[in-house]
Amino acid sequence: MSTAVNIDTRIQSVEVSDDLITAYLADGRVISVPLAWSWRLSEATPTQRGNYQIIGAGQGVHWPEVDEDLSADGMLHGVPARRPKH
């Protein structure tokens, strides 16, 4: 038995709602994580959340107005951003 495996985790686009960060991958998968995983995006305005750049040939996403970066691998493997301790 042969199993085809496609591991193209490049992000093509992103949507951020009031509850979820959703990434659309080049291989057709759609992955979502809770918005709470990113405290910076949780605190951002809808306009700031919509202003993103795909970085690293699709390996991640950068939101310049809130200085947030998320990777496809981080979203797939469950790595939330931690709020810094003061």
Protein backbone atom coordinates (compact mmCIF):
# COMPACT_ATOMS: atom_id res chain seq x y z
CA MET A 1 0.00 0.00 0.00
CA SER A 2 1.27 3.42 -0.91
CA THR A 3 0.32 6.63 0.82
CA ALA A 4 0.79 9.99 -0.82
CA VAL A 5 2.01 12.65 1.57
CA ASN A 6 1.96 16.32 0.71
CA ILE A 7 3.76 18.44 3.29
CA ASP A 8 3.62 21.83 1.61
CA THR A 9 2.98 23.99 4.65
CA ARG A 10 3.47 27.31 2.88
CA ILE A 11 0.87 29.90 3.84
CA GLN A 12 -0.91 31.61 0.95
CA SER A 13 -3.29 33.85 2.89
CA VAL A 14 -4.59 34.54 6.38
CA GLU A 15 -7.82 35.69 7.97
CA VAL A 16 -8.18 36.88 11.55
CA SER A 17 -11.64 36.95 13.11
CA ASP A 18 -12.72 37.85 16.63
CA ASP A 19 -12.02 34.24 17.65
CA LEU A 20 -9.65 32.56 15.19
CA ILE A 21 -6.48 32.97 13.16
CA THR A 22 -7.00 30.97 9.96
CA ALA A 23 -4.24 30.16 7.48
CA TYR A 24 -4.86 28.87 3.97
CA LEU A 25 -1.98 26.63 2.89
CA ALA A 26 -0.56 26.04 -0.58
CA ASP A 27 -1.52 22.35 -0.45
CA GLY A 28 -5.20 23.18 0.10
CA ARG A 29 -5.35 22.67 3.86
CA VAL A 30 -6.94 25.26 6.11
CA ILE A 31 -5.66 25.50 9.68
CA SER A 32 -7.04 27.60 12.51
CA VAL A 33 -5.87 28.41 16.02
CA PRO A 34 -7.58 30.45 18.72
CA LEU A 35 -6.98 34.20 18.48
CA ALA A 36 -5.96 34.04 22.15
CA TRP A 37 -2.77 32.26 21.03
CA SER A 38 -1.49 35.67 19.96
CA TRP A 39 -1.92 38.30 22.64
CA ARG A 40 -0.68 40.96 20.20
CA LEU A 41 -3.33 40.12 17.60
CA SER A 42 -5.95 39.78 20.34
CA GLU A 43 -5.29 43.39 21.29
CA ALA A 44 -5.02 44.66 17.69
CA THR A 45 -7.75 46.43 15.75
CA PRO A 46 -9.44 44.67 12.82
CA THR A 47 -7.52 46.95 10.45
CA GLN A 48 -4.19 46.01 12.07
CA ARG A 49 -5.13 42.31 11.91
CA GLY A 50 -5.85 42.65 8.20
CA ASN A 51 -2.47 44.21 7.45
CA TYR A 52 -0.12 41.25 7.17
CA GLN A 53 2.78 40.09 5.02
CA ILE A 54 3.61 36.52 4.04
CA ILE A 55 7.27 35.94 4.95
CA GLY A 56 9.91 33.31 4.25
CA ALA A 57 8.33 32.05 1.01
CA GLY A 58 5.18 31.21 2.98
CA GLN A 59 6.69 29.73 6.13
CA GLY A 60 5.16 32.49 8.23
CA VAL A 61 3.14 35.67 8.53
CA HIS A 62 4.19 39.07 9.87
CA TRP A 63 1.85 41.81 11.12
CA PRO A 64 4.03 44.96 10.98
CA GLU A 65 1.72 47.25 12.93
CA VAL A 66 1.70 44.98 15.98
CA ASP A 67 5.13 43.35 15.49
CA GLU A 68 3.75 39.80 15.48
CA ASP A 69 5.06 36.77 13.61
CA LEU A 70 3.40 33.37 13.35
CA SER A 71 4.70 30.33 11.49
CA ALA A 72 2.73 27.59 9.76
CA ASP A 73 4.65 24.99 11.76
CA GLY A 74 3.83 26.78 15.02
CA MET A 75 0.15 26.80 14.15
CA LEU A 76 0.23 23.12 13.15
CA HIS A 77 2.15 21.98 16.22
CA GLY A 78 0.38 24.07 18.82
CA VAL A 79 2.83 26.75 19.89
CA PRO A 80 1.01 29.82 21.27
CA ALA A 81 2.85 33.13 21.67
CA ARG A 82 3.65 33.87 25.28
CA ARG A 83 3.07 37.27 26.80
CA PRO A 84 6.31 38.68 28.21
CA LYS A 85 6.56 38.96 31.97
CA HIS A 86 7.25 42.42 33.34
